C-alpha atoms as a PDB file:
ATOM      1  CA  UNK A   1       0.576 -11.924 -24.841  1.00  0.00           C
ATOM      2  CA  UNK A   2       0.312 -15.536 -24.275  1.00  0.00           C
ATOM      3  CA  UNK A   3       2.467 -18.023 -25.708  1.00  0.00           C
ATOM      4  CA  UNK A   4      -0.131 -19.681 -28.090  1.00  0.00           C
ATOM      5  CA  UNK A   5      -0.946 -16.249 -29.551  1.00  0.00           C
ATOM      6  CA  UNK A   6       2.692 -15.209 -30.249  1.00  0.00           C
ATOM      7  CA  UNK A   7       3.467 -18.702 -31.640  1.00  0.00           C
ATOM      8  CA  UNK A   8       0.395 -18.064 -33.793  1.00  0.00           C
ATOM      9  CA  UNK A   9       1.475 -14.629 -34.943  1.00  0.00           C
ATOM     10  CA  UNK A  10       4.977 -16.000 -35.998  1.00  0.00           C
ATOM     11  CA  UNK A  11       3.916 -18.974 -37.987  1.00  0.00           C
ATOM     12  CA  UNK A  12       1.364 -16.658 -39.733  1.00  0.00           C
ATOM     13  CA  UNK A  13       4.163 -14.243 -40.610  1.00  0.00           C
ATOM     14  CA  UNK A  14       6.450 -17.144 -41.761  1.00  0.00           C
ATOM     15  CA  UNK A  15       3.810 -18.480 -44.063  1.00  0.00           C
ATOM     16  CA  UNK A  16       3.085 -15.123 -45.395  1.00  0.00           C
ATOM     17  CA  UNK A  17       6.810 -14.360 -46.151  1.00  0.00           C
ATOM     18  CA  UNK A  18       7.821 -17.787 -47.307  1.00  0.00           C
ATOM     19  CA  UNK A  19       5.211 -18.094 -49.697  1.00  0.00           C
ATOM     20  CA  UNK A  20       5.942 -21.023 -52.220  1.00  0.00           C
ATOM     21  CA  UNK A  21       9.811 -20.764 -51.396  1.00  0.00           C
ATOM     22  CA  UNK A  22       9.314 -23.618 -48.830  1.00  0.00           C
ATOM     23  CA  UNK A  23       6.856 -26.053 -47.772  1.00  0.00           C
ATOM     24  CA  UNK A  24       4.425 -24.215 -45.531  1.00  0.00           C
ATOM     25  CA  UNK A  25       4.776 -26.487 -42.318  1.00  0.00           C
ATOM     26  CA  UNK A  26       8.457 -25.408 -42.635  1.00  0.00           C
ATOM     27  CA  UNK A  27       7.484 -21.881 -42.467  1.00  0.00           C
ATOM     28  CA  UNK A  28       4.934 -22.011 -39.974  1.00  0.00           C
ATOM     29  CA  UNK A  29       7.216 -23.980 -37.534  1.00  0.00           C
ATOM     30  CA  UNK A  30      10.287 -21.695 -37.934  1.00  0.00           C
ATOM     31  CA  UNK A  31       7.870 -18.521 -37.582  1.00  0.00           C
ATOM     32  CA  UNK A  32       6.183 -20.257 -34.204  1.00  0.00           C
ATOM     33  CA  UNK A  33       9.609 -20.849 -32.821  1.00  0.00           C
ATOM     34  CA  UNK A  34      10.997 -17.458 -33.575  1.00  0.00           C
ATOM     35  CA  UNK A  35       7.627 -15.995 -32.142  1.00  0.00           C
ATOM     36  CA  UNK A  36       8.031 -17.453 -28.843  1.00  0.00           C
ATOM     37  CA  UNK A  37      11.646 -16.939 -28.652  1.00  0.00           C
ATOM     38  CA  UNK A  38      11.673 -13.613 -26.800  1.00  0.00           C
ATOM     39  CA  UNK A  39       9.742 -15.412 -23.814  1.00  0.00           C
ATOM     40  CA  UNK A  40      12.627 -17.568 -22.911  1.00  0.00           C
ATOM     41  CA  UNK A  41      13.664 -14.997 -20.741  1.00  0.00           C
ATOM     42  CA  UNK A  42      11.216 -15.772 -18.159  1.00  0.00           C
ATOM     43  CA  UNK A  43      13.291 -19.090 -17.561  1.00  0.00           C
ATOM     44  CA  UNK A  44      16.285 -16.960 -16.525  1.00  0.00           C
ATOM     45  CA  UNK A  45      16.399 -16.498 -12.617  1.00  0.00           C
ATOM     46  CA  UNK A  46      17.848 -13.137 -11.792  1.00  0.00           C
ATOM     47  CA  UNK A  47      17.702 -14.026  -7.822  1.00  0.00           C
ATOM     48  CA  UNK A  48      14.230 -12.541  -6.552  1.00  0.00           C
ATOM     49  CA  UNK A  49      11.042 -12.283  -8.043  1.00  0.00           C
ATOM     50  CA  UNK A  50      11.011  -8.414  -8.341  1.00  0.00           C
ATOM     51  CA  UNK A  51      14.155  -8.625 -10.528  1.00  0.00           C
ATOM     52  CA  UNK A  52      12.428 -11.284 -12.595  1.00  0.00           C
ATOM     53  CA  UNK A  53       9.309  -9.145 -12.816  1.00  0.00           C
ATOM     54  CA  UNK A  54      10.901  -5.725 -13.995  1.00  0.00           C
ATOM     55  CA  UNK A  55      13.630  -7.371 -16.218  1.00  0.00           C
ATOM     56  CA  UNK A  56      10.997  -9.825 -18.100  1.00  0.00           C
ATOM     57  CA  UNK A  57      10.378  -8.261 -21.526  1.00  0.00           C
ATOM     58  CA  UNK A  58      13.745  -6.211 -21.268  1.00  0.00           C
ATOM     59  CA  UNK A  59      16.597  -6.995 -23.579  1.00  0.00           C
ATOM     60  CA  UNK A  60      15.130 -10.055 -25.343  1.00  0.00           C
ATOM     61  CA  UNK A  61      12.106  -7.754 -26.244  1.00  0.00           C
ATOM     62  CA  UNK A  62      14.299  -4.861 -27.436  1.00  0.00           C
ATOM     63  CA  UNK A  63      14.000  -3.908 -31.091  1.00  0.00           C
ATOM     64  CA  UNK A  64      17.843  -3.076 -31.474  1.00  0.00           C
ATOM     65  CA  UNK A  65      19.188  -6.698 -29.948  1.00  0.00           C
ATOM     66  CA  UNK A  66      16.324  -8.532 -32.121  1.00  0.00           C
ATOM     67  CA  UNK A  67      17.568  -6.884 -35.320  1.00  0.00           C
ATOM     68  CA  UNK A  68      20.949  -7.993 -34.586  1.00  0.00           C
ATOM     69  CA  UNK A  69      20.003 -11.540 -33.101  1.00  0.00           C
ATOM     70  CA  UNK A  70      17.753 -12.045 -36.206  1.00  0.00           C
ATOM     71  CA  UNK A  71      20.937 -12.423 -38.599  1.00  0.00           C
ATOM     72  CA  UNK A  72      22.597 -15.348 -36.895  1.00  0.00           C
ATOM     73  CA  UNK A  73      19.177 -17.217 -36.243  1.00  0.00           C
ATOM     74  CA  UNK A  74      18.314 -16.568 -40.026  1.00  0.00           C
ATOM     75  CA  UNK A  75      21.722 -17.922 -40.937  1.00  0.00           C
ATOM     76  CA  UNK A  76      21.321 -21.158 -38.930  1.00  0.00           C
ATOM     77  CA  UNK A  77      17.798 -21.646 -40.029  1.00  0.00           C
ATOM     78  CA  UNK A  78      19.008 -21.328 -43.782  1.00  0.00           C
ATOM     79  CA  UNK A  79      21.706 -23.746 -43.090  1.00  0.00           C
ATOM     80  CA  UNK A  80      20.017 -26.622 -41.318  1.00  0.00           C
ATOM     81  CA  UNK A  81      17.057 -26.280 -43.885  1.00  0.00           C
ATOM     82  CA  UNK A  82      19.515 -26.160 -46.511  1.00  0.00           C
ATOM     83  CA  UNK A  83      18.018 -23.302 -48.275  1.00  0.00           C
ATOM     84  CA  UNK A  84      20.693 -20.873 -48.375  1.00  0.00           C
ATOM     85  CA  UNK A  85      19.295 -19.435 -51.557  1.00  0.00           C
ATOM     86  CA  UNK A  86      16.420 -18.356 -49.336  1.00  0.00           C
ATOM     87  CA  UNK A  87      18.642 -16.471 -46.615  1.00  0.00           C
ATOM     88  CA  UNK A  88      16.866 -13.274 -47.138  1.00  0.00           C
ATOM     89  CA  UNK A  89      13.309 -14.199 -47.233  1.00  0.00           C
ATOM     90  CA  UNK A  90      14.172 -16.390 -43.963  1.00  0.00           C
ATOM     91  CA  UNK A  91      15.910 -13.450 -42.492  1.00  0.00           C
ATOM     92  CA  UNK A  92      12.839 -11.185 -43.032  1.00  0.00           C
ATOM     93  CA  UNK A  93      10.771 -14.078 -41.592  1.00  0.00           C
ATOM     94  CA  UNK A  94      12.937 -14.455 -38.145  1.00  0.00           C
ATOM     95  CA  UNK A  95      13.304 -10.405 -37.878  1.00  0.00           C
ATOM     96  CA  UNK A  96       9.340 -10.051 -38.126  1.00  0.00           C
ATOM     97  CA  UNK A  97       8.416 -12.614 -35.908  1.00  0.00           C
ATOM     98  CA  UNK A  98      10.615 -11.283 -33.039  1.00  0.00           C
ATOM     99  CA  UNK A  99      10.011  -7.682 -33.455  1.00  0.00           C
ATOM    100  CA  UNK A 100       6.094  -8.319 -33.587  1.00  0.00           C
ATOM    101  CA  UNK A 101       6.452 -10.257 -30.895  1.00  0.00           C
ATOM    102  CA  UNK A 102       7.797  -7.215 -28.823  1.00  0.00           C
ATOM    103  CA  UNK A 103       5.245  -4.833 -30.505  1.00  0.00           C
ATOM    104  CA  UNK A 104       2.513  -7.294 -29.589  1.00  0.00           C
ATOM    105  CA  UNK A 105       3.514  -7.390 -25.912  1.00  0.00           C
ATOM    106  CA  UNK A 106       3.639  -3.445 -26.001  1.00  0.00           C
ATOM    107  CA  UNK A 107       0.109  -3.267 -26.464  1.00  0.00           C
ATOM    108  CA  UNK A 108      -0.498  -4.856 -23.145  1.00  0.00           C
ATOM    109  CA  UNK A 109      -0.368  -3.302 -19.902  1.00  0.00           C
ATOM    110  CA  UNK A 110       2.448  -5.115 -18.374  1.00  0.00           C
ATOM    111  CA  UNK A 111       5.647  -2.908 -19.869  1.00  0.00           C
ATOM    112  CA  UNK A 112       8.011  -3.805 -22.761  1.00  0.00           C
ATOM    113  CA  UNK A 113      11.489  -2.282 -22.683  1.00  0.00           C
ATOM    114  CA  UNK A 114      11.786  -1.803 -26.633  1.00  0.00           C
ATOM    115  CA  UNK A 115      14.331   0.745 -26.433  1.00  0.00           C
ATOM    116  CA  UNK A 116      17.174  -0.875 -24.963  1.00  0.00           C
ATOM    117  CA  UNK A 117      20.157  -0.442 -24.686  1.00  0.00           C
ATOM    118  CA  UNK A 118      19.560   3.034 -25.471  1.00  0.00           C
ATOM    119  CA  UNK A 119      16.333   3.517 -22.778  1.00  0.00           C
ATOM    120  CA  UNK A 120      14.903   1.126 -20.166  1.00  0.00           C
ATOM    121  CA  UNK A 121      11.477   2.578 -20.282  1.00  0.00           C
ATOM    122  CA  UNK A 122       8.656   0.018 -20.077  1.00  0.00           C
ATOM    123  CA  UNK A 123       6.224   0.988 -22.716  1.00  0.00           C
ATOM    124  CA  UNK A 124       2.682  -0.264 -22.334  1.00  0.00           C
ATOM    125  CA  UNK A 125      -0.243   0.821 -24.624  1.00  0.00           C
ATOM    126  CA  UNK A 126      -2.565  -1.315 -22.447  1.00  0.00           C
ATOM    127  CA  UNK A 127      -5.498  -1.536 -25.190  1.00  0.00           C
ATOM    128  CA  UNK A 128      -5.118  -5.761 -25.206  1.00  0.00           C
ATOM    129  CA  UNK A 129      -5.826  -8.098 -22.344  1.00  0.00           C
ATOM    130  CA  UNK A 130      -2.783 -10.773 -22.313  1.00  0.00           C
ATOM    131  CA  UNK A 131      -5.633 -13.348 -23.748  1.00  0.00           C
ATOM    132  CA  UNK A 132      -7.608 -12.343 -26.297  1.00  0.00           C
ATOM    133  CA  UNK A 133      -9.702 -15.071 -28.323  1.00  0.00           C
ATOM    134  CA  UNK A 134     -10.743 -12.581 -31.116  1.00  0.00           C
ATOM    135  CA  UNK A 135      -7.363 -11.749 -32.013  1.00  0.00           C
ATOM    136  CA  UNK A 136      -5.983 -15.411 -31.647  1.00  0.00           C
ATOM    137  CA  UNK A 137      -8.587 -17.260 -33.622  1.00  0.00           C
ATOM    138  CA  UNK A 138      -8.128 -15.449 -37.017  1.00  0.00           C
ATOM    139  CA  UNK A 139      -4.563 -16.375 -36.766  1.00  0.00           C
ATOM    140  CA  UNK A 140      -5.002 -20.076 -36.141  1.00  0.00           C
ATOM    141  CA  UNK A 141      -7.704 -20.460 -38.743  1.00  0.00           C
ATOM    142  CA  UNK A 142      -5.768 -18.879 -41.489  1.00  0.00           C
ATOM    143  CA  UNK A 143      -2.547 -20.903 -40.481  1.00  0.00           C
ATOM    144  CA  UNK A 144      -4.599 -24.132 -40.339  1.00  0.00           C
ATOM    145  CA  UNK A 145      -6.169 -23.444 -43.869  1.00  0.00           C
ATOM    146  CA  UNK A 146      -2.565 -22.918 -45.323  1.00  0.00           C
ATOM    147  CA  UNK A 147      -1.387 -25.988 -43.846  1.00  0.00           C
ATOM    148  CA  UNK A 148      -4.366 -28.028 -45.037  1.00  0.00           C
ATOM    149  CA  UNK A 149      -4.605 -26.588 -48.406  1.00  0.00           C
ATOM    150  CA  UNK A 150      -0.897 -25.765 -49.350  1.00  0.00           C
ATOM    151  CA  UNK A 151      -1.756 -23.583 -52.309  1.00  0.00           C
ATOM    152  CA  UNK A 152      -2.090 -20.063 -53.261  1.00  0.00           C
ATOM    153  CA  UNK A 153      -5.734 -20.229 -51.824  1.00  0.00           C
ATOM    154  CA  UNK A 154      -4.434 -21.271 -48.198  1.00  0.00           C
ATOM    155  CA  UNK A 155      -1.740 -18.544 -48.232  1.00  0.00           C
ATOM    156  CA  UNK A 156      -4.617 -16.058 -48.843  1.00  0.00           C
ATOM    157  CA  UNK A 157      -6.543 -17.522 -45.972  1.00  0.00           C
ATOM    158  CA  UNK A 158      -3.400 -16.913 -43.768  1.00  0.00           C
ATOM    159  CA  UNK A 159      -2.949 -13.472 -45.067  1.00  0.00           C
ATOM    160  CA  UNK A 160      -6.675 -12.580 -44.265  1.00  0.00           C
ATOM    161  CA  UNK A 161      -5.993 -14.073 -40.792  1.00  0.00           C
ATOM    162  CA  UNK A 162      -3.152 -11.511 -40.268  1.00  0.00           C
ATOM    163  CA  UNK A 163      -5.315  -8.728 -41.396  1.00  0.00           C
ATOM    164  CA  UNK A 164      -8.088  -9.364 -39.397  1.00  0.00           C
ATOM    165  CA  UNK A 165      -5.912  -9.667 -36.260  1.00  0.00           C
ATOM    166  CA  UNK A 166      -4.169  -6.315 -37.102  1.00  0.00           C
ATOM    167  CA  UNK A 167      -7.301  -4.593 -37.698  1.00  0.00           C
ATOM    168  CA  UNK A 168      -8.559  -6.172 -34.214  1.00  0.00           C
ATOM    169  CA  UNK A 169      -5.423  -4.441 -32.656  1.00  0.00           C
ATOM    170  CA  UNK A 170      -6.761  -1.181 -34.236  1.00  0.00           C
ATOM    171  CA  UNK A 171      -9.808  -1.634 -33.079  1.00  0.00           C
ATOM    172  CA  UNK A 172      -8.607  -2.163 -29.413  1.00  0.00           C
ATOM    173  CA  UNK A 173      -6.820   1.003 -29.543  1.00  0.00           C
ATOM    174  CA  UNK A 174      -9.882   3.049 -30.554  1.00  0.00           C
ATOM    175  CA  UNK A 175     -11.961   1.460 -28.235  1.00  0.00           C
ATOM    176  CA  UNK A 176      -9.637   2.570 -25.343  1.00  0.00           C
ATOM    177  CA  UNK A 177      -9.741   5.971 -26.696  1.00  0.00           C
ATOM    178  CA  UNK A 178     -13.241   6.030 -26.333  1.00  0.00           C
ATOM    179  CA  UNK A 179     -13.443   4.437 -22.663  1.00  0.00           C
ATOM    180  CA  UNK A 180     -11.015   6.892 -21.572  1.00  0.00           C
ATOM    181  CA  UNK A 181     -12.716   9.846 -22.529  1.00  0.00           C
ATOM    182  CA  UNK A 182     -15.953   8.313 -21.016  1.00  0.00           C
ATOM    183  CA  UNK A 183     -13.998   7.705 -17.846  1.00  0.00           C
ATOM    184  CA  UNK A 184     -12.650  11.295 -17.809  1.00  0.00           C
ATOM    185  CA  UNK A 185     -15.981  12.776 -18.336  1.00  0.00           C
ATOM    186  CA  UNK A 186     -17.470  10.676 -15.176  1.00  0.00           C
ATOM    187  CA  UNK A 187     -14.694  11.581 -12.870  1.00  0.00           C
ATOM    188  CA  UNK A 188     -14.680  15.219 -13.720  1.00  0.00           C
ATOM    189  CA  UNK A 189     -18.525  15.176 -13.003  1.00  0.00           C
ATOM    190  CA  UNK A 190     -18.248  13.208  -9.967  1.00  0.00           C
ATOM    191  CA  UNK A 191     -15.460  15.534  -8.483  1.00  0.00           C
ATOM    192  CA  UNK A 192     -12.731  13.254  -8.264  1.00  0.00           C
ATOM    193  CA  UNK A 193      -9.036  14.956  -7.952  1.00  0.00           C
ATOM    194  CA  UNK A 194      -7.299  12.401 -10.233  1.00  0.00           C
ATOM    195  CA  UNK A 195      -3.430  12.210 -10.035  1.00  0.00           C
ATOM    196  CA  UNK A 196      -3.049   8.916 -12.643  1.00  0.00           C
ATOM    197  CA  UNK A 197      -5.381   7.366 -14.814  1.00  0.00           C
ATOM    198  CA  UNK A 198      -5.482   3.759 -16.169  1.00  0.00           C
ATOM    199  CA  UNK A 199      -8.008   2.281 -18.727  1.00  0.00           C
ATOM    200  CA  UNK A 200      -7.591  -1.278 -19.712  1.00  0.00           C
ATOM    201  CA  UNK A 201      -9.607  -4.033 -20.965  1.00  0.00           C
ATOM    202  CA  UNK A 202     -11.303  -6.681 -18.662  1.00  0.00           C
ATOM    203  CA  UNK A 203      -9.985 -10.239 -19.231  1.00  0.00           C
ATOM    204  CA  UNK A 204     -10.759 -11.867 -22.710  1.00  0.00           C
ATOM    205  CA  UNK A 205     -12.140  -8.989 -24.525  1.00  0.00           C
ATOM    206  CA  UNK A 206     -12.308  -5.392 -25.488  1.00  0.00           C
ATOM    207  CA  UNK A 207     -16.051  -4.700 -24.742  1.00  0.00           C
ATOM    208  CA  UNK A 208     -15.544  -4.143 -20.841  1.00  0.00           C
ATOM    209  CA  UNK A 209     -13.116  -1.955 -19.841  1.00  0.00           C
ATOM    210  CA  UNK A 210     -11.496  -1.412 -16.304  1.00  0.00           C
ATOM    211  CA  UNK A 211     -10.622   1.952 -15.144  1.00  0.00           C
ATOM    212  CA  UNK A 212      -8.245   2.786 -12.186  1.00  0.00           C
ATOM    213  CA  UNK A 213      -7.822   6.277 -11.042  1.00  0.00           C
ATOM    214  CA  UNK A 214      -4.937   7.278  -8.380  1.00  0.00           C
ATOM    215  CA  UNK A 215      -6.112  10.175  -6.189  1.00  0.00           C
ATOM    216  CA  UNK A 216      -5.175  11.760  -3.025  1.00  0.00           C
ATOM    217  CA  UNK A 217      -7.530   9.417  -0.841  1.00  0.00           C
ATOM    218  CA  UNK A 218      -6.259   6.188  -2.520  1.00  0.00           C
ATOM    219  CA  UNK A 219      -7.532   4.623  -5.820  1.00  0.00           C
ATOM    220  CA  UNK A 220     -10.958   4.176  -7.534  1.00  0.00           C
ATOM    221  CA  UNK A 221     -11.908   1.133  -9.665  1.00  0.00           C
ATOM    222  CA  UNK A 222     -14.942   1.181 -12.219  1.00  0.00           C
ATOM    223  CA  UNK A 223     -15.827  -0.567 -15.189  1.00  0.00           C
ATOM    224  CA  UNK A 224     -17.399   0.496 -18.442  1.00  0.00           C
ATOM    225  CA  UNK A 225     -18.966  -1.480 -21.040  1.00  0.00           C
ATOM    226  CA  UNK A 226     -19.022  -0.272 -24.709  1.00  0.00           C
ATOM    227  CA  UNK A 227     -22.680  -1.616 -24.590  1.00  0.00           C
ATOM    228  CA  UNK A 228     -23.893   0.119 -21.532  1.00  0.00           C
ATOM    229  CA  UNK A 229     -27.292   1.930 -22.120  1.00  0.00           C
ATOM    230  CA  UNK A 230     -25.789   5.360 -20.781  1.00  0.00           C
ATOM    231  CA  UNK A 231     -22.129   6.810 -20.191  1.00  0.00           C
ATOM    232  CA  UNK A 232     -22.307   6.509 -16.364  1.00  0.00           C
ATOM    233  CA  UNK A 233     -19.694   4.779 -14.377  1.00  0.00           C
ATOM    234  CA  UNK A 234     -19.807   3.600 -10.804  1.00  0.00           C
ATOM    235  CA  UNK A 235     -16.455   3.950  -8.919  1.00  0.00           C
ATOM    236  CA  UNK A 236     -15.547   2.108  -5.596  1.00  0.00           C
ATOM    237  CA  UNK A 237     -12.702   3.682  -3.406  1.00  0.00           C
ATOM    238  CA  UNK A 238      -9.898   1.577  -1.837  1.00  0.00           C
ATOM    239  CA  UNK A 239      -7.170   2.608   0.429  1.00  0.00           C
ATOM    240  CA  UNK A 240      -3.945   2.648  -1.204  1.00  0.00           C
ATOM    241  CA  UNK A 241      -1.487   2.723   1.757  1.00  0.00           C
ATOM    242  CA  UNK A 242       0.288   6.158   1.446  1.00  0.00           C
ATOM    243  CA  UNK A 243       1.154   5.796   5.179  1.00  0.00           C
ATOM    244  CA  UNK A 244       3.165   2.477   4.832  1.00  0.00           C
ATOM    245  CA  UNK A 245       4.602   3.476   1.592  1.00  0.00           C
ATOM    246  CA  UNK A 246       6.312   6.503   3.266  1.00  0.00           C
ATOM    247  CA  UNK A 247       7.836   4.083   5.683  1.00  0.00           C
ATOM    248  CA  UNK A 248       9.303   1.980   2.900  1.00  0.00           C
ATOM    249  CA  UNK A 249       9.677   4.270  -0.107  1.00  0.00           C
ATOM    250  CA  UNK A 250      13.452   4.109   0.356  1.00  0.00           C
ATOM    251  CA  UNK A 251      13.378   0.291   0.075  1.00  0.00           C
ATOM    252  CA  UNK A 252      14.982  -0.665  -3.271  1.00  0.00           C
ATOM    253  CA  UNK A 253      12.334  -3.363  -4.043  1.00  0.00           C
ATOM    254  CA  UNK A 254       9.533  -0.887  -3.159  1.00  0.00           C
ATOM    255  CA  UNK A 255      10.911   1.715  -5.440  1.00  0.00           C
ATOM    256  CA  UNK A 256      11.479  -0.827  -8.438  1.00  0.00           C
ATOM    257  CA  UNK A 257       7.649  -1.680  -8.247  1.00  0.00           C
ATOM    258  CA  UNK A 258       6.490   1.976  -7.764  1.00  0.00           C
ATOM    259  CA  UNK A 259       8.750   2.831 -11.034  1.00  0.00           C
ATOM    260  CA  UNK A 260       7.686  -0.323 -12.987  1.00  0.00           C
ATOM    261  CA  UNK A 261       4.034   0.172 -12.286  1.00  0.00           C
ATOM    262  CA  UNK A 262       4.254   3.837 -13.328  1.00  0.00           C
ATOM    263  CA  UNK A 263       2.440   4.541  -9.917  1.00  0.00           C
ATOM    264  CA  UNK A 264      -0.393   2.132 -10.097  1.00  0.00           C
ATOM    265  CA  UNK A 265       0.329   0.507  -6.936  1.00  0.00           C
ATOM    266  CA  UNK A 266      -0.858   0.032  -3.432  1.00  0.00           C
ATOM    267  CA  UNK A 267       0.814  -1.254  -0.265  1.00  0.00           C
ATOM    268  CA  UNK A 268      -0.913  -3.281   2.741  1.00  0.00           C
ATOM    269  CA  UNK A 269       0.139  -5.377   5.508  1.00  0.00           C
ATOM    270  CA  UNK A 270      -0.486  -9.218   5.506  1.00  0.00           C
ATOM    271  CA  UNK A 271       0.605 -11.267   8.451  1.00  0.00           C
ATOM    272  CA  UNK A 272       3.059  -8.706   9.765  1.00  0.00           C
ATOM    273  CA  UNK A 273       4.656  -8.253   6.493  1.00  0.00           C
ATOM    274  CA  UNK A 274       4.529  -5.177   4.090  1.00  0.00           C
ATOM    275  CA  UNK A 275       3.051  -5.919   0.485  1.00  0.00           C
ATOM    276  CA  UNK A 276       3.290  -3.906  -2.587  1.00  0.00           C
ATOM    277  CA  UNK A 277       0.963  -4.715  -5.547  1.00  0.00           C
ATOM    278  CA  UNK A 278       1.007  -3.861  -8.939  1.00  0.00           C
ATOM    279  CA  UNK A 279      -2.700  -2.517  -9.508  1.00  0.00           C
ATOM    280  CA  UNK A 280      -2.448  -2.716 -13.336  1.00  0.00           C
ATOM    281  CA  UNK A 281      -2.781  -6.544 -13.423  1.00  0.00           C
ATOM    282  CA  UNK A 282      -5.969  -8.137 -11.723  1.00  0.00           C
ATOM    283  CA  UNK A 283      -9.141  -6.592 -10.520  1.00  0.00           C
ATOM    284  CA  UNK A 284     -10.071  -5.811  -6.911  1.00  0.00           C
ATOM    285  CA  UNK A 285      -9.284  -7.732  -4.652  1.00  0.00           C
ATOM    286  CA  UNK A 286      -7.363 -10.146  -6.648  1.00  0.00           C
ATOM    287  CA  UNK A 287      -3.857  -9.176  -8.462  1.00  0.00           C
ATOM    288  CA  UNK A 288      -1.274 -11.096 -10.035  1.00  0.00           C
ATOM    289  CA  UNK A 289       1.756  -9.512  -8.499  1.00  0.00           C
ATOM    290  CA  UNK A 290       1.903  -9.299  -4.789  1.00  0.00           C
ATOM    291  CA  UNK A 291       5.257  -8.893  -3.367  1.00  0.00           C
ATOM    292  CA  UNK A 292       6.296  -9.010   0.183  1.00  0.00           C
ATOM    293  CA  UNK A 293       9.164  -6.806   0.948  1.00  0.00           C
ATOM    294  CA  UNK A 294       9.580  -6.096   4.517  1.00  0.00           C
ATOM    295  CA  UNK A 295       8.982  -7.629   7.677  1.00  0.00           C
ATOM    296  CA  UNK A 296       7.361  -5.780  10.797  1.00  0.00           C
ATOM    297  CA  UNK A 297       9.873  -5.359  13.737  1.00  0.00           C
ATOM    298  CA  UNK A 298       7.483  -3.035  15.545  1.00  0.00           C
ATOM    299  CA  UNK A 299       7.505  -0.056  15.205  1.00  0.00           C
ATOM    300  CA  UNK A 300       9.247  -0.167  11.934  1.00  0.00           C
ATOM    301  CA  UNK A 301      10.184  -2.556   8.964  1.00  0.00           C
ATOM    302  CA  UNK A 302      12.877  -4.739   8.262  1.00  0.00           C
ATOM    303  CA  UNK A 303      13.627  -5.232   4.553  1.00  0.00           C
ATOM    304  CA  UNK A 304      12.984  -9.195   3.228  1.00  0.00           C
ATOM    305  CA  UNK A 305      15.996 -10.414   1.270  1.00  0.00           C
ATOM    306  CA  UNK A 306      14.892 -11.934  -1.187  1.00  0.00           C
ATOM    307  CA  UNK A 307      11.302 -10.572  -1.040  1.00  0.00           C
ATOM    308  CA  UNK A 308       8.357 -13.204  -1.958  1.00  0.00           C
ATOM    309  CA  UNK A 309       5.565 -13.330  -4.258  1.00  0.00           C
ATOM    310  CA  UNK A 310       2.230 -14.412  -4.009  1.00  0.00           C
ATOM    311  CA  UNK A 311      -0.757 -14.595  -6.616  1.00  0.00           C
ATOM    312  CA  UNK A 312      -4.500 -13.930  -5.714  1.00  0.00           C
ATOM    313  CA  UNK A 313      -6.301 -16.462  -7.775  1.00  0.00           C
ATOM    314  CA  UNK A 314      -9.042 -14.798  -9.933  1.00  0.00           C
ATOM    315  CA  UNK A 315     -12.663 -15.928  -8.839  1.00  0.00           C
ATOM    316  CA  UNK A 316     -13.554 -17.139 -12.243  1.00  0.00           C
ATOM    317  CA  UNK A 317     -16.800 -18.953 -10.921  1.00  0.00           C
ATOM    318  CA  UNK A 318     -18.343 -15.582 -10.260  1.00  0.00           C
ATOM    319  CA  UNK A 319     -15.989 -13.560 -12.395  1.00  0.00           C
ATOM    320  CA  UNK A 320     -16.823 -15.001 -15.796  1.00  0.00           C
ATOM    321  CA  UNK A 321     -20.795 -14.985 -15.344  1.00  0.00           C
ATOM    322  CA  UNK A 322     -20.281 -11.134 -14.272  1.00  0.00           C
ATOM    323  CA  UNK A 323     -17.973 -10.392 -17.213  1.00  0.00           C
ATOM    324  CA  UNK A 324     -20.563 -11.988 -19.751  1.00  0.00           C
ATOM    325  CA  UNK A 325     -23.415  -9.859 -18.016  1.00  0.00           C
ATOM    326  CA  UNK A 326     -21.251  -6.726 -17.961  1.00  0.00           C
ATOM    327  CA  UNK A 327     -20.220  -7.071 -21.588  1.00  0.00           C
ATOM    328  CA  UNK A 328     -23.938  -7.018 -22.603  1.00  0.00           C
ATOM    329  CA  UNK A 329     -24.540  -3.829 -20.847  1.00  0.00           C
ATOM    330  CA  UNK A 330     -25.791  -5.096 -17.405  1.00  0.00           C
ATOM    331  CA  UNK A 331     -24.830  -2.714 -14.709  1.00  0.00           C
ATOM    332  CA  UNK A 332     -23.852  -5.497 -12.239  1.00  0.00           C
ATOM    333  CA  UNK A 333     -21.498  -4.836  -9.478  1.00  0.00           C
ATOM    334  CA  UNK A 334     -18.153  -6.562  -9.938  1.00  0.00           C
ATOM    335  CA  UNK A 335     -17.653  -9.415  -7.559  1.00  0.00           C
ATOM    336  CA  UNK A 336     -15.385  -8.643  -4.747  1.00  0.00           C
END
């Protein structure tokens, strides 16, 4: 999730745990800082954009390492604030802010390596978009009221914000299950042979769901709104670049993205360079992670070291009006 949301979640946890033990602004500040701490790994350059991509949300997001790190961080916090008598609640604040950061990231589609150092699987539920105001706003309101009132009533507002935002996470998971069932129903009825299926929310909401289905002939993309008048989904088919992948599957960077994306990728050629694209983040034809991994030296390709990354910016001018219309159940085709 975005940094503002993670800071808001950490701040709300700090206020909820510390209660009357310390001033609300202290609890909110420490919680917010702890809540954003795991994402500092994004500032560490590992030498190439693919390593930076697949190793983000790794050790700093691992529940085991977060638990270990929470002890010295809590000790430093208690010492700096001269509140050693509250070491245990400060430790609980730090620990909860860290682990809820990782667990909230798990609800997105990117992939979070929660199990390190025992397993490096990138877990991804994919029920939440990385920015969702309906999750963040209740947290901000609860924190704001708590800081303004600085009493039990304000603490209750903060807890209410936490409860509402957590309930929204539950809603998103249920909505994803429903949208997945509708997608499977449509794919079977239309006779598609599906190898892999991905159902994630479209940007900024959990009403419109994006569906990506990997098939032997490429991949399909379609959209379903919970407010659609019927359960029919129109799919568009796109090439996946299987021939190009066959030539480059032994390239270590290609293999890294293929594994990290759980197979939801495509390959293409751009200005004589082979490009691998993560299909999970973006919408056709614009994607966040496009990696140039090889240069054509006819008839083969030579690996690029290091690879380069480029991002296709989303078409907000056409995309946002389309998203609003689609959320209301209008069967408008997506902007391409």
